[in-house]
Amino acid sequence: MGQKIICKSCAAEFDANLVRCPYCGTAYAPAEEKEYMGKLEAVREDLHQEIQKGDRRIGKKMGRTVRNILIVIGVILLLVFGVLWITARSERAGSDRKKQEFLQNQGITTQQEVETDGM
């Protein structure tokens, strides 16, 4: 047993670790404060754990979001480069046709025509 105190209300003697006098129920402030601070510390620890859980969840969600954004950007870049490649090929083919027509109109045969005629 610990230290004994005398109740201010009923003059009964009781253990100083008790929050209330076991005879009249009067609160003993030092023990009551100690109990309150213990409960407050438990709440603080619970809150800290919940914050850590929340931080981990946010981190996972942000990681997934960043990954999805990078995938979308990659797909968009592939589409843009694909369109540019197709456009460049189309323009080159058109340019080659115009060059061929011009040379034919001038009466100039190209190496390609000679190879085609020879086969």
PDB file of N, CA and C in Angstrom:
ATOM      1  N   MET A   1       0.833  -1.189   0.000  1.00  0.00           N
ATOM      2  CA  MET A   1       0.000   0.000   0.000  1.00  0.00           C
ATOM      3  C   MET A   1       0.871   1.245   0.000  1.00  0.00           C
ATOM      4  N   GLY A   2       0.314   2.290  -0.591  1.00  0.00           N
ATOM      5  CA  GLY A   2       1.061   3.527  -0.697  1.00  0.00           C
ATOM      6  C   GLY A   2       0.785   4.461   0.468  1.00  0.00           C
ATOM      7  N   GLN A   3       0.968   5.684   0.196  1.00  0.00           N
ATOM      8  CA  GLN A   3       0.785   6.743   1.182  1.00  0.00           C
ATOM      9  C   GLN A   3      -0.697   6.872   1.537  1.00  0.00           C
ATOM     10  N   LYS A   4      -0.969   7.209   2.791  1.00  0.00           N
ATOM     11  CA  LYS A   4      -2.341   7.399   3.254  1.00  0.00           C
ATOM     12  C   LYS A   4      -2.612   8.897   3.385  1.00  0.00           C
ATOM     13  N   ILE A   5      -3.871   9.266   3.120  1.00  0.00           N
ATOM     14  CA  ILE A   5      -4.277  10.663   3.296  1.00  0.00           C
ATOM     15  C   ILE A   5      -5.577  10.701   4.092  1.00  0.00           C
ATOM     16  N   ILE A   6      -5.926  11.855   4.565  1.00  0.00           N
ATOM     17  CA  ILE A   6      -7.148  12.058   5.329  1.00  0.00           C
ATOM     18  C   ILE A   6      -8.103  12.850   4.449  1.00  0.00           C
ATOM     19  N   CYS A   7      -9.333  12.351   4.274  1.00  0.00           N
ATOM     20  CA  CYS A   7     -10.363  13.021   3.468  1.00  0.00           C
ATOM     21  C   CYS A   7     -10.735  14.337   4.137  1.00  0.00           C
ATOM     22  N   LYS A   8     -10.811  15.389   3.351  1.00  0.00           N
ATOM     23  CA  LYS A   8     -11.155  16.720   3.858  1.00  0.00           C
ATOM     24  C   LYS A   8     -12.642  16.829   4.196  1.00  0.00           C
ATOM     25  N   SER A   9     -13.442  15.926   3.634  1.00  0.00           N
ATOM     26  CA  SER A   9     -14.883  15.998   3.889  1.00  0.00           C
ATOM     27  C   SER A   9     -15.302  15.155   5.096  1.00  0.00           C
ATOM     28  N   CYS A  10     -14.839  13.906   5.158  1.00  0.00           N
ATOM     29  CA  CYS A  10     -15.327  13.002   6.205  1.00  0.00           C
ATOM     30  C   CYS A  10     -14.246  12.577   7.186  1.00  0.00           C
ATOM     31  N   ALA A  11     -13.013  12.992   6.993  1.00  0.00           N
ATOM     32  CA  ALA A  11     -11.877  12.711   7.860  1.00  0.00           C
ATOM     33  C   ALA A  11     -11.480  11.239   7.876  1.00  0.00           C
ATOM     34  N   ALA A  12     -11.925  10.494   6.908  1.00  0.00           N
ATOM     35  CA  ALA A  12     -11.532   9.090   6.806  1.00  0.00           C
ATOM     36  C   ALA A  12     -10.152   8.993   6.179  1.00  0.00           C
ATOM     37  N   GLU A  13      -9.438   7.945   6.556  1.00  0.00           N
ATOM     38  CA  GLU A  13      -8.113   7.725   6.011  1.00  0.00           C
ATOM     39  C   GLU A  13      -8.234   6.752   4.828  1.00  0.00           C
ATOM     40  N   PHE A  14      -7.573   7.101   3.682  1.00  0.00           N
ATOM     41  CA  PHE A  14      -7.588   6.205   2.516  1.00  0.00           C
ATOM     42  C   PHE A  14      -6.296   6.346   1.734  1.00  0.00           C
ATOM     43  N   ASP A  15      -6.078   5.400   0.798  1.00  0.00           N
ATOM     44  CA  ASP A  15      -4.844   5.343  -0.005  1.00  0.00           C
ATOM     45  C   ASP A  15      -4.795   6.549  -0.950  1.00  0.00           C
ATOM     46  N   ALA A  16      -3.639   7.185  -1.055  1.00  0.00           N
ATOM     47  CA  ALA A  16      -3.463   8.396  -1.870  1.00  0.00           C
ATOM     48  C   ALA A  16      -3.553   8.114  -3.371  1.00  0.00           C
ATOM     49  N   ASN A  17      -3.515   6.847  -3.773  1.00  0.00           N
ATOM     50  CA  ASN A  17      -3.653   6.511  -5.191  1.00  0.00           C
ATOM     51  C   ASN A  17      -5.102   6.498  -5.643  1.00  0.00           C
ATOM     52  N   LEU A  18      -6.042   6.504  -4.698  1.00  0.00           N
ATOM     53  CA  LEU A  18      -7.472   6.493  -5.049  1.00  0.00           C
ATOM     54  C   LEU A  18      -7.902   7.884  -5.502  1.00  0.00           C
ATOM     55  N   VAL A  19      -8.761   7.920  -6.506  1.00  0.00           N
ATOM     56  CA  VAL A  19      -9.224   9.188  -7.063  1.00  0.00           C
ATOM     57  C   VAL A  19     -10.286   9.804  -6.160  1.00  0.00           C
ATOM     58  N   ARG A  20     -11.072   8.956  -5.483  1.00  0.00           N
ATOM     59  CA  ARG A  20     -12.145   9.438  -4.609  1.00  0.00           C
ATOM     60  C   ARG A  20     -12.073   8.736  -3.258  1.00  0.00           C
ATOM     61  N   CYS A  21     -12.553   9.421  -2.288  1.00  0.00           N
ATOM     62  CA  CYS A  21     -12.648   8.834  -0.949  1.00  0.00           C
ATOM     63  C   CYS A  21     -13.630   7.667  -1.025  1.00  0.00           C
ATOM     64  N   PRO A  22     -13.242   6.470  -0.584  1.00  0.00           N
ATOM     65  CA  PRO A  22     -14.135   5.321  -0.677  1.00  0.00           C
ATOM     66  C   PRO A  22     -15.332   5.410   0.279  1.00  0.00           C
ATOM     67  N   TYR A  23     -15.314   6.367   1.204  1.00  0.00           N
ATOM     68  CA  TYR A  23     -16.376   6.476   2.200  1.00  0.00           C
ATOM     69  C   TYR A  23     -17.429   7.511   1.816  1.00  0.00           C
ATOM     70  N   CYS A  24     -16.952   8.686   1.340  1.00  0.00           N
ATOM     71  CA  CYS A  24     -17.921   9.744   1.016  1.00  0.00           C
ATOM     72  C   CYS A  24     -17.932  10.133  -0.461  1.00  0.00           C
ATOM     73  N   GLY A  25     -16.948   9.691  -1.227  1.00  0.00           N
ATOM     74  CA  GLY A  25     -16.910   9.969  -2.659  1.00  0.00           C
ATOM     75  C   GLY A  25     -16.289  11.299  -3.040  1.00  0.00           C
ATOM     76  N   THR A  26     -15.731  11.999  -2.110  1.00  0.00           N
ATOM     77  CA  THR A  26     -15.085  13.274  -2.394  1.00  0.00           C
ATOM     78  C   THR A  26     -13.832  13.015  -3.237  1.00  0.00           C
ATOM     79  N   ALA A  27     -13.659  13.844  -4.256  1.00  0.00           N
ATOM     80  CA  ALA A  27     -12.521  13.684  -5.162  1.00  0.00           C
ATOM     81  C   ALA A  27     -11.230  14.095  -4.489  1.00  0.00           C
ATOM     82  N   TYR A  28     -10.164  13.333  -4.769  1.00  0.00           N
ATOM     83  CA  TYR A  28      -8.821  13.658  -4.294  1.00  0.00           C
ATOM     84  C   TYR A  28      -8.064  14.183  -5.510  1.00  0.00           C
ATOM     85  N   ALA A  29      -7.817  15.496  -5.531  1.00  0.00           N
ATOM     86  CA  ALA A  29      -7.305  16.201  -6.711  1.00  0.00           C
ATOM     87  C   ALA A  29      -5.999  15.630  -7.279  1.00  0.00           C
ATOM     88  N   PRO A  30      -4.972  15.372  -6.479  1.00  0.00           N
ATOM     89  CA  PRO A  30      -3.723  14.876  -7.077  1.00  0.00           C
ATOM     90  C   PRO A  30      -3.912  13.539  -7.800  1.00  0.00           C
ATOM     91  N   ALA A  31      -4.639  12.610  -7.218  1.00  0.00           N
ATOM     92  CA  ALA A  31      -4.869  11.308  -7.867  1.00  0.00           C
ATOM     93  C   ALA A  31      -5.786  11.478  -9.078  1.00  0.00           C
ATOM     94  N   GLU A  32      -6.757  12.371  -8.965  1.00  0.00           N
ATOM     95  CA  GLU A  32      -7.676  12.632 -10.073  1.00  0.00           C
ATOM     96  C   GLU A  32      -6.920  13.240 -11.257  1.00  0.00           C
ATOM     97  N   GLU A  33      -6.013  14.154 -10.964  1.00  0.00           N
ATOM     98  CA  GLU A  33      -5.210  14.766 -12.026  1.00  0.00           C
ATOM     99  C   GLU A  33      -4.300  13.728 -12.683  1.00  0.00           C
ATOM    100  N   LYS A  34      -3.693  12.866 -11.862  1.00  0.00           N
ATOM    101  CA  LYS A  34      -2.821  11.821 -12.396  1.00  0.00           C
ATOM    102  C   LYS A  34      -3.611  10.886 -13.315  1.00  0.00           C
ATOM    103  N   GLU A  35      -4.817  10.504 -12.899  1.00  0.00           N
ATOM    104  CA  GLU A  35      -5.660   9.636 -13.739  1.00  0.00           C
ATOM    105  C   GLU A  35      -6.041  10.344 -15.043  1.00  0.00           C
ATOM    106  N   TYR A  36      -6.425  11.614 -14.923  1.00  0.00           N
ATOM    107  CA  TYR A  36      -6.802  12.402 -16.100  1.00  0.00           C
ATOM    108  C   TYR A  36      -5.638  12.509 -17.081  1.00  0.00           C
ATOM    109  N   MET A  37      -4.441  12.793 -16.575  1.00  0.00           N
ATOM    110  CA  MET A  37      -3.266  12.924 -17.441  1.00  0.00           C
ATOM    111  C   MET A  37      -2.929  11.595 -18.110  1.00  0.00           C
ATOM    112  N   GLY A  38      -3.121  10.488 -17.396  1.00  0.00           N
ATOM    113  CA  GLY A  38      -2.904   9.165 -17.993  1.00  0.00           C
ATOM    114  C   GLY A  38      -3.862   8.909 -19.147  1.00  0.00           C
ATOM    115  N   LYS A  39      -5.136   9.267 -18.932  1.00  0.00           N
ATOM    116  CA  LYS A  39      -6.130   9.092 -20.004  1.00  0.00           C
ATOM    117  C   LYS A  39      -5.816  10.021 -21.181  1.00  0.00           C
ATOM    118  N   LEU A  40      -5.387  11.222 -20.871  1.00  0.00           N
ATOM    119  CA  LEU A  40      -5.041  12.182 -21.914  1.00  0.00           C
ATOM    120  C   LEU A  40      -3.857  11.682 -22.741  1.00  0.00           C
ATOM    121  N   GLU A  41      -2.880  11.076 -22.081  1.00  0.00           N
ATOM    122  CA  GLU A  41      -1.720  10.518 -22.782  1.00  0.00           C
ATOM    123  C   GLU A  41      -2.156   9.375 -23.696  1.00  0.00           C
ATOM    124  N   ALA A  42      -3.091   8.542 -23.226  1.00  0.00           N
ATOM    125  CA  ALA A  42      -3.596   7.437 -24.049  1.00  0.00           C
ATOM    126  C   ALA A  42      -4.312   7.985 -25.291  1.00  0.00           C
ATOM    127  N   VAL A  43      -5.077   9.044 -25.119  1.00  0.00           N
ATOM    128  CA  VAL A  43      -5.761   9.670 -26.260  1.00  0.00           C
ATOM    129  C   VAL A  43      -4.738  10.241 -27.236  1.00  0.00           C
ATOM    130  N   ARG A  44      -3.686  10.869 -26.693  1.00  0.00           N
ATOM    131  CA  ARG A  44      -2.642  11.424 -27.551  1.00  0.00           C
ATOM    132  C   ARG A  44      -1.953  10.320 -28.356  1.00  0.00           C
ATOM    133  N   GLU A  45      -1.666   9.213 -27.731  1.00  0.00           N
ATOM    134  CA  GLU A  45      -1.032   8.091 -28.439  1.00  0.00           C
ATOM    135  C   GLU A  45      -1.953   7.534 -29.529  1.00  0.00           C
ATOM    136  N   ASP A  46      -3.244   7.393 -29.201  1.00  0.00           N
ATOM    137  CA  ASP A  46      -4.208   6.911 -30.203  1.00  0.00           C
ATOM    138  C   ASP A  46      -4.281   7.875 -31.385  1.00  0.00           C
ATOM    139  N   LEU A  47      -4.321   9.152 -31.090  1.00  0.00           N
ATOM    140  CA  LEU A  47      -4.380  10.164 -32.147  1.00  0.00           C
ATOM    141  C   LEU A  47      -3.128  10.115 -33.014  1.00  0.00           C
ATOM    142  N   HIS A  48      -1.979   9.955 -32.396  1.00  0.00           N
ATOM    143  CA  HIS A  48      -0.717   9.859 -33.136  1.00  0.00           C
ATOM    144  C   HIS A  48      -0.733   8.651 -34.081  1.00  0.00           C
ATOM    145  N   GLN A  49      -1.222   7.524 -33.593  1.00  0.00           N
ATOM    146  CA  GLN A  49      -1.303   6.320 -34.427  1.00  0.00           C
ATOM    147  C   GLN A  49      -2.267   6.527 -35.601  1.00  0.00           C
ATOM    148  N   GLU A  50      -3.387   7.172 -35.347  1.00  0.00           N
ATOM    149  CA  GLU A  50      -4.351   7.427 -36.426  1.00  0.00           C
ATOM    150  C   GLU A  50      -3.775   8.384 -37.469  1.00  0.00           C
ATOM    151  N   ILE A  51      -3.024   9.366 -37.026  1.00  0.00           N
ATOM    152  CA  ILE A  51      -2.383  10.298 -37.961  1.00  0.00           C
ATOM    153  C   ILE A  51      -1.385   9.545 -38.832  1.00  0.00           C
ATOM    154  N   GLN A  52      -0.605   8.646 -38.216  1.00  0.00           N
ATOM    155  CA  GLN A  52       0.352   7.858 -38.991  1.00  0.00           C
ATOM    156  C   GLN A  52      -0.361   6.978 -40.007  1.00  0.00           C
ATOM    157  N   LYS A  53      -1.471   6.355 -39.608  1.00  0.00           N
ATOM    158  CA  LYS A  53      -2.239   5.526 -40.549  1.00  0.00           C
ATOM    159  C   LYS A  53      -2.744   6.384 -41.706  1.00  0.00           C
ATOM    160  N   GLY A  54      -3.255   7.571 -41.362  1.00  0.00           N
ATOM    161  CA  GLY A  54      -3.755   8.472 -42.395  1.00  0.00           C
ATOM    162  C   GLY A  54      -2.653   8.903 -43.348  1.00  0.00           C
ATOM    163  N   ASP A  55      -1.481   9.200 -42.794  1.00  0.00           N
ATOM    164  CA  ASP A  55      -0.350   9.592 -43.637  1.00  0.00           C
ATOM    165  C   ASP A  55       0.032   8.473 -44.598  1.00  0.00           C
ATOM    166  N   ARG A  56       0.024   7.224 -44.102  1.00  0.00           N
ATOM    167  CA  ARG A  56       0.360   6.091 -44.975  1.00  0.00           C
ATOM    168  C   ARG A  56      -0.686   5.939 -46.076  1.00  0.00           C
ATOM    169  N   ARG A  57      -1.961   6.099 -45.716  1.00  0.00           N
ATOM    170  CA  ARG A  57      -3.021   5.986 -46.732  1.00  0.00           C
ATOM    171  C   ARG A  57      -2.896   7.088 -47.775  1.00  0.00           C
ATOM    172  N   ILE A  58      -2.624   8.298 -47.318  1.00  0.00           N
ATOM    173  CA  ILE A  58      -2.461   9.415 -48.251  1.00  0.00           C
ATOM    174  C   ILE A  58      -1.270   9.160 -49.165  1.00  0.00           C
ATOM    175  N   GLY A  59      -0.171   8.665 -48.583  1.00  0.00           N
ATOM    176  CA  GLY A  59       1.021   8.363 -49.382  1.00  0.00           C
ATOM    177  C   GLY A  59       0.724   7.331 -50.454  1.00  0.00           C
ATOM    178  N   LYS A  60      -0.023   6.289 -50.107  1.00  0.00           N
ATOM    179  CA  LYS A  60      -0.376   5.260 -51.087  1.00  0.00           C
ATOM    180  C   LYS A  60      -1.258   5.845 -52.182  1.00  0.00           C
ATOM    181  N   LYS A  61      -2.248   6.651 -51.784  1.00  0.00           N
ATOM    182  CA  LYS A  61      -3.142   7.248 -52.784  1.00  0.00           C
ATOM    183  C   LYS A  61      -2.379   8.202 -53.699  1.00  0.00           C
ATOM    184  N   MET A  62      -1.460   8.976 -53.126  1.00  0.00           N
ATOM    185  CA  MET A  62      -0.679   9.893 -53.952  1.00  0.00           C
ATOM    186  C   MET A  62       0.209   9.117 -54.910  1.00  0.00           C
ATOM    187  N   GLY A  63       0.783   8.013 -54.433  1.00  0.00           N
ATOM    188  CA  GLY A  63       1.608   7.180 -55.300  1.00  0.00           C
ATOM    189  C   GLY A  63       0.811   6.634 -56.473  1.00  0.00           C
ATOM    190  N   ARG A  64      -0.407   6.167 -56.199  1.00  0.00           N
ATOM    191  CA  ARG A  64      -1.257   5.657 -57.283  1.00  0.00           C
ATOM    192  C   ARG A  64      -1.645   6.784 -58.237  1.00  0.00           C
ATOM    193  N   THR A  65      -1.945   7.952 -57.683  1.00  0.00           N
ATOM    194  CA  THR A  65      -2.332   9.082 -58.526  1.00  0.00           C
ATOM    195  C   THR A  65      -1.176   9.502 -59.430  1.00  0.00           C
ATOM    196  N   VAL A  66       0.017   9.597 -58.881  1.00  0.00           N
ATOM    197  CA  VAL A  66       1.190   9.977 -59.677  1.00  0.00           C
ATOM    198  C   VAL A  66       1.428   8.934 -60.769  1.00  0.00           C
ATOM    199  N   ARG A  67       1.328   7.649 -60.402  1.00  0.00           N
ATOM    200  CA  ARG A  67       1.520   6.586 -61.395  1.00  0.00           C
ATOM    201  C   ARG A  67       0.496   6.713 -62.524  1.00  0.00           C
ATOM    202  N   ASN A  68      -0.770   6.951 -62.167  1.00  0.00           N
ATOM    203  CA  ASN A  68      -1.809   7.082 -63.190  1.00  0.00           C
ATOM    204  C   ASN A  68      -1.574   8.302 -64.077  1.00  0.00           C
ATOM    205  N   ILE A  69      -1.139   9.400 -63.484  1.00  0.00           N
ATOM    206  CA  ILE A  69      -0.851  10.600 -64.272  1.00  0.00           C
ATOM    207  C   ILE A  69       0.293  10.327 -65.243  1.00  0.00           C
ATOM    208  N   LEU A  70       1.328   9.637 -64.770  1.00  0.00           N
ATOM    209  CA  LEU A  70       2.456   9.324 -65.654  1.00  0.00           C
ATOM    210  C   LEU A  70       2.019   8.406 -66.791  1.00  0.00           C
ATOM    211  N   ILE A  71       1.141   7.471 -66.512  1.00  0.00           N
ATOM    212  CA  ILE A  71       0.636   6.590 -67.568  1.00  0.00           C
ATOM    213  C   ILE A  71      -0.141   7.401 -68.602  1.00  0.00           C
ATOM    214  N   VAL A  72      -1.005   8.298 -68.145  1.00  0.00           N
ATOM    215  CA  VAL A  72      -1.785   9.131 -69.068  1.00  0.00           C
ATOM    216  C   VAL A  72      -0.866  10.004 -69.906  1.00  0.00           C
ATOM    217  N   ILE A  73       0.138  10.607 -69.268  1.00  0.00           N
ATOM    218  CA  ILE A  73       1.087  11.445 -70.014  1.00  0.00           C
ATOM    219  C   ILE A  73       1.825  10.605 -71.052  1.00  0.00           C
ATOM    220  N   GLY A  74       2.235   9.393 -70.670  1.00  0.00           N
ATOM    221  CA  GLY A  74       2.920   8.508 -71.607  1.00  0.00           C
ATOM    222  C   GLY A  74       2.053   8.165 -72.806  1.00  0.00           C
ATOM    223  N   VAL A  75       0.780   7.849 -72.544  1.00  0.00           N
ATOM    224  CA  VAL A  75      -0.135   7.516 -73.647  1.00  0.00           C
ATOM    225  C   VAL A  75      -0.333   8.723 -74.557  1.00  0.00           C
ATOM    226  N   ILE A  76      -0.499   9.896 -73.962  1.00  0.00           N
ATOM    227  CA  ILE A  76      -0.674  11.115 -74.771  1.00  0.00           C
ATOM    228  C   ILE A  76       0.565  11.365 -75.628  1.00  0.00           C
ATOM    229  N   LEU A  77       1.756  11.203 -75.030  1.00  0.00           N
ATOM    230  CA  LEU A  77       2.991  11.411 -75.807  1.00  0.00           C
ATOM    231  C   LEU A  77       3.094  10.410 -76.952  1.00  0.00           C
ATOM    232  N   LEU A  78       2.743   9.153 -76.688  1.00  0.00           N
ATOM    233  CA  LEU A  78       2.760   8.158 -77.761  1.00  0.00           C
ATOM    234  C   LEU A  78       1.805   8.544 -78.883  1.00  0.00           C
ATOM    235  N   LEU A  79       0.617   9.000 -78.513  1.00  0.00           N
ATOM    236  CA  LEU A  79      -0.355   9.411 -79.534  1.00  0.00           C
ATOM    237  C   LEU A  79       0.159  10.610 -80.329  1.00  0.00           C
ATOM    238  N   VAL A  80       0.722  11.592 -79.641  1.00  0.00           N
ATOM    239  CA  VAL A  80       1.234  12.786 -80.333  1.00  0.00           C
ATOM    240  C   VAL A  80       2.364  12.398 -81.285  1.00  0.00           C
ATOM    241  N   PHE A  81       3.326  11.591 -80.807  1.00  0.00           N
ATOM    242  CA  PHE A  81       4.423  11.183 -81.675  1.00  0.00           C
ATOM    243  C   PHE A  81       3.925  10.320 -82.833  1.00  0.00           C
ATOM    244  N   GLY A  82       2.920   9.496 -82.575  1.00  0.00           N
ATOM    245  CA  GLY A  82       2.333   8.685 -83.645  1.00  0.00           C
ATOM    246  C   GLY A  82       1.704   9.547 -84.719  1.00  0.00           C
ATOM    247  N   VAL A  83       0.944  10.544 -84.299  1.00  0.00           N
ATOM    248  CA  VAL A  83       0.302  11.452 -85.257  1.00  0.00           C
ATOM    249  C   VAL A  83       1.361  12.230 -86.027  1.00  0.00           C
ATOM    250  N   LEU A  84       2.391  12.713 -85.327  1.00  0.00           N
ATOM    251  CA  LEU A  84       3.458  13.449 -86.010  1.00  0.00           C
ATOM    252  C   LEU A  84       4.193  12.560 -87.010  1.00  0.00           C
ATOM    253  N   TRP A  85       4.461  11.313 -86.652  1.00  0.00           N
ATOM    254  CA  TRP A  85       5.143  10.385 -87.548  1.00  0.00           C
ATOM    255  C   TRP A  85       4.296  10.110 -88.784  1.00  0.00           C
ATOM    256  N   ILE A  86       3.002   9.859 -88.577  1.00  0.00           N
ATOM    257  CA  ILE A  86       2.106   9.600 -89.712  1.00  0.00           C
ATOM    258  C   ILE A  86       2.009  10.826 -90.609  1.00  0.00           C
ATOM    259  N   THR A  87       1.906  11.997 -90.001  1.00  0.00           N
ATOM    260  CA  THR A  87       1.822  13.235 -90.772  1.00  0.00           C
ATOM    261  C   THR A  87       3.103  13.452 -91.583  1.00  0.00           C
ATOM    262  N   ALA A  88       4.246  13.222 -90.973  1.00  0.00           N
ATOM    263  CA  ALA A  88       5.522  13.408 -91.673  1.00  0.00           C
ATOM    264  C   ALA A  88       5.644  12.431 -92.838  1.00  0.00           C
ATOM    265  N   ARG A  89       5.262  11.177 -92.623  1.00  0.00           N
ATOM    266  CA  ARG A  89       5.318  10.194 -93.715  1.00  0.00           C
ATOM    267  C   ARG A  89       4.385  10.584 -94.851  1.00  0.00           C
ATOM    268  N   SER A  90       3.201  11.045 -94.483  1.00  0.00           N
ATOM    269  CA  SER A  90       2.229  11.444 -95.498  1.00  0.00           C
ATOM    270  C   SER A  90       2.750  12.636 -96.299  1.00  0.00           C
ATOM    271  N   GLU A  91       3.311  13.623 -95.601  1.00  0.00           N
ATOM    272  CA  GLU A  91       3.843  14.796 -96.299  1.00  0.00           C
ATOM    273  C   GLU A  91       5.028  14.412 -97.194  1.00  0.00           C
ATOM    274  N   ARG A  92       5.877  13.514 -96.732  1.00  0.00           N
ATOM    275  CA  ARG A  92       7.011  13.077 -97.529  1.00  0.00           C
ATOM    276  C   ARG A  92       6.545  12.323 -98.771  1.00  0.00           C
ATOM    277  N   ALA A  93       5.535  11.469 -98.596  1.00  0.00           N
ATOM    278  CA  ALA A  93       5.013  10.724 -99.745  1.00  0.00           C
ATOM    279  C   ALA A  93       4.402  11.695-100.760  1.00  0.00           C
ATOM    280  N   GLY A  94       3.680  12.694-100.258  1.00  0.00           N
ATOM    281  CA  GLY A  94       3.096  13.694-101.162  1.00  0.00           C
ATOM    282  C   GLY A  94       4.172  14.489-101.867  1.00  0.00           C
ATOM    283  N   SER A  95       5.212  14.847-101.137  1.00  0.00           N
ATOM    284  CA  SER A  95       6.329  15.588-101.715  1.00  0.00           C
ATOM    285  C   SER A  95       7.036  14.744-102.779  1.00  0.00           C
ATOM    286  N   ASP A  96       7.229  13.452-102.474  1.00  0.00           N
ATOM    287  CA  ASP A  96       7.867  12.564-103.446  1.00  0.00           C
ATOM    288  C   ASP A  96       7.012  12.438-104.709  1.00  0.00           C
ATOM    289  N   ARG A  97       5.702  12.359-104.555  1.00  0.00           N
ATOM    290  CA  ARG A  97       4.811  12.268-105.724  1.00  0.00           C
ATOM    291  C   ARG A  97       4.888  13.533-106.566  1.00  0.00           C
ATOM    292  N   LYS A  98       4.869  14.693-105.895  1.00  0.00           N
ATOM    293  CA  LYS A  98       4.948  15.955-106.628  1.00  0.00           C
ATOM    294  C   LYS A  98       6.278  16.074-107.355  1.00  0.00           C
ATOM    295  N   LYS A  99       7.362  15.666-106.707  1.00  0.00           N
ATOM    296  CA  LYS A  99       8.674  15.703-107.341  1.00  0.00           C
ATOM    297  C   LYS A  99       8.688  14.790-108.564  1.00  0.00           C
ATOM    298  N   GLN A 100       8.128  13.598-108.426  1.00  0.00           N
ATOM    299  CA  GLN A 100       8.079  12.623-109.520  1.00  0.00           C
ATOM    300  C   GLN A 100       7.269  13.187-110.693  1.00  0.00           C
ATOM    301  N   GLU A 101       6.120  13.778-110.370  1.00  0.00           N
ATOM    302  CA  GLU A 101       5.287  14.358-111.433  1.00  0.00           C
ATOM    303  C   GLU A 101       6.023  15.491-112.143  1.00  0.00           C
ATOM    304  N   PHE A 102       6.686  16.341-111.362  1.00  0.00           N
ATOM    305  CA  PHE A 102       7.423  17.452-111.957  1.00  0.00           C
ATOM    306  C   PHE A 102       8.514  16.931-112.902  1.00  0.00           C
ATOM    307  N   LEU A 103       9.261  15.948-112.435  1.00  0.00           N
ATOM    308  CA  LEU A 103      10.327  15.390-113.269  1.00  0.00           C
ATOM    309  C   LEU A 103       9.758  14.734-114.528  1.00  0.00           C
ATOM    310  N   GLN A 104       8.644  14.063-114.403  1.00  0.00           N
ATOM    311  CA  GLN A 104       8.027  13.441-115.579  1.00  0.00           C
ATOM    312  C   GLN A 104       7.571  14.514-116.562  1.00  0.00           C
ATOM    313  N   ASN A 105       7.007  15.589-116.036  1.00  0.00           N
ATOM    314  CA  ASN A 105       6.570  16.687-116.905  1.00  0.00           C
ATOM    315  C   ASN A 105       7.755  17.341-117.617  1.00  0.00           C
ATOM    316  N   GLN A 106       8.919  17.300-116.995  1.00  0.00           N
ATOM    317  CA  GLN A 106      10.114  17.867-117.597  1.00  0.00           C
ATOM    318  C   GLN A 106      10.798  16.877-118.533  1.00  0.00           C
ATOM    319  N   GLY A 107      10.280  15.645-118.546  1.00  0.00           N
ATOM    320  CA  GLY A 107      10.859  14.631-119.409  1.00  0.00           C
ATOM    321  C   GLY A 107      12.109  14.004-118.830  1.00  0.00           C
ATOM    322  N   ILE A 108      12.283  14.087-117.543  1.00  0.00           N
ATOM    323  CA  ILE A 108      13.456  13.515-116.884  1.00  0.00           C
ATOM    324  C   ILE A 108      13.034  12.203-116.234  1.00  0.00           C
ATOM    325  N   THR A 109      13.791  11.158-116.545  1.00  0.00           N
ATOM    326  CA  THR A 109      13.505   9.885-115.899  1.00  0.00           C
ATOM    327  C   THR A 109      14.422   9.741-114.696  1.00  0.00           C
ATOM    328  N   THR A 110      13.889   9.170-113.644  1.00  0.00           N
ATOM    329  CA  THR A 110      14.676   9.001-112.420  1.00  0.00           C
ATOM    330  C   THR A 110      15.225   7.593-112.367  1.00  0.00           C
ATOM    331  N   GLN A 111      16.191   7.376-111.511  1.00  0.00           N
ATOM    332  CA  GLN A 111      16.803   6.074-111.327  1.00  0.00           C
ATOM    333  C   GLN A 111      15.732   5.058-110.956  1.00  0.00           C
ATOM    334  N   GLN A 112      14.745   5.469-110.164  1.00  0.00           N
ATOM    335  CA  GLN A 112      13.679   4.575-109.743  1.00  0.00           C
ATOM    336  C   GLN A 112      12.857   4.096-110.934  1.00  0.00           C
ATOM    337  N   GLU A 113      12.556   4.974-111.863  1.00  0.00           N
ATOM    338  CA  GLU A 113      11.781   4.607-113.052  1.00  0.00           C
ATOM    339  C   GLU A 113      12.578   3.666-113.918  1.00  0.00           C
ATOM    340  N   VAL A 114      13.893   3.892-114.038  1.00  0.00           N
ATOM    341  CA  VAL A 114      14.742   3.023-114.853  1.00  0.00           C
ATOM    342  C   VAL A 114      14.749   1.618-114.278  1.00  0.00           C
ATOM    343  N   GLU A 115      14.870   1.527-112.950  1.00  0.00           N
ATOM    344  CA  GLU A 115      14.871   0.204-112.305  1.00  0.00           C
ATOM    345  C   GLU A 115      13.547  -0.481-112.504  1.00  0.00           C
ATOM    346  N   THR A 116      12.419   0.273-112.407  1.00  0.00           N
ATOM    347  CA  THR A 116      11.091  -0.306-112.561  1.00  0.00           C
ATOM    348  C   THR A 116      10.873  -0.773-114.007  1.00  0.00           C
ATOM    349  N   ASP A 117      11.323   0.033-114.987  1.00  0.00           N
ATOM    350  CA  ASP A 117      11.168  -0.321-116.401  1.00  0.00           C
ATOM    351  C   ASP A 117      12.013  -1.537-116.751  1.00  0.00           C
ATOM    352  N   GLY A 118      13.158  -1.688-116.155  1.00  0.00           N
ATOM    353  CA  GLY A 118      14.075  -2.747-116.480  1.00  0.00           C
ATOM    354  C   GLY A 118      13.588  -4.103-115.963  1.00  0.00           C
ATOM    355  N   MET A 119      12.679  -4.158-115.040  1.00  0.00           N
ATOM    356  CA  MET A 119      12.230  -5.415-114.477  1.00  0.00           C
ATOM    357  C   MET A 119      11.179  -6.082-115.281  1.00  0.00           C
TER     358      MET A 119
END
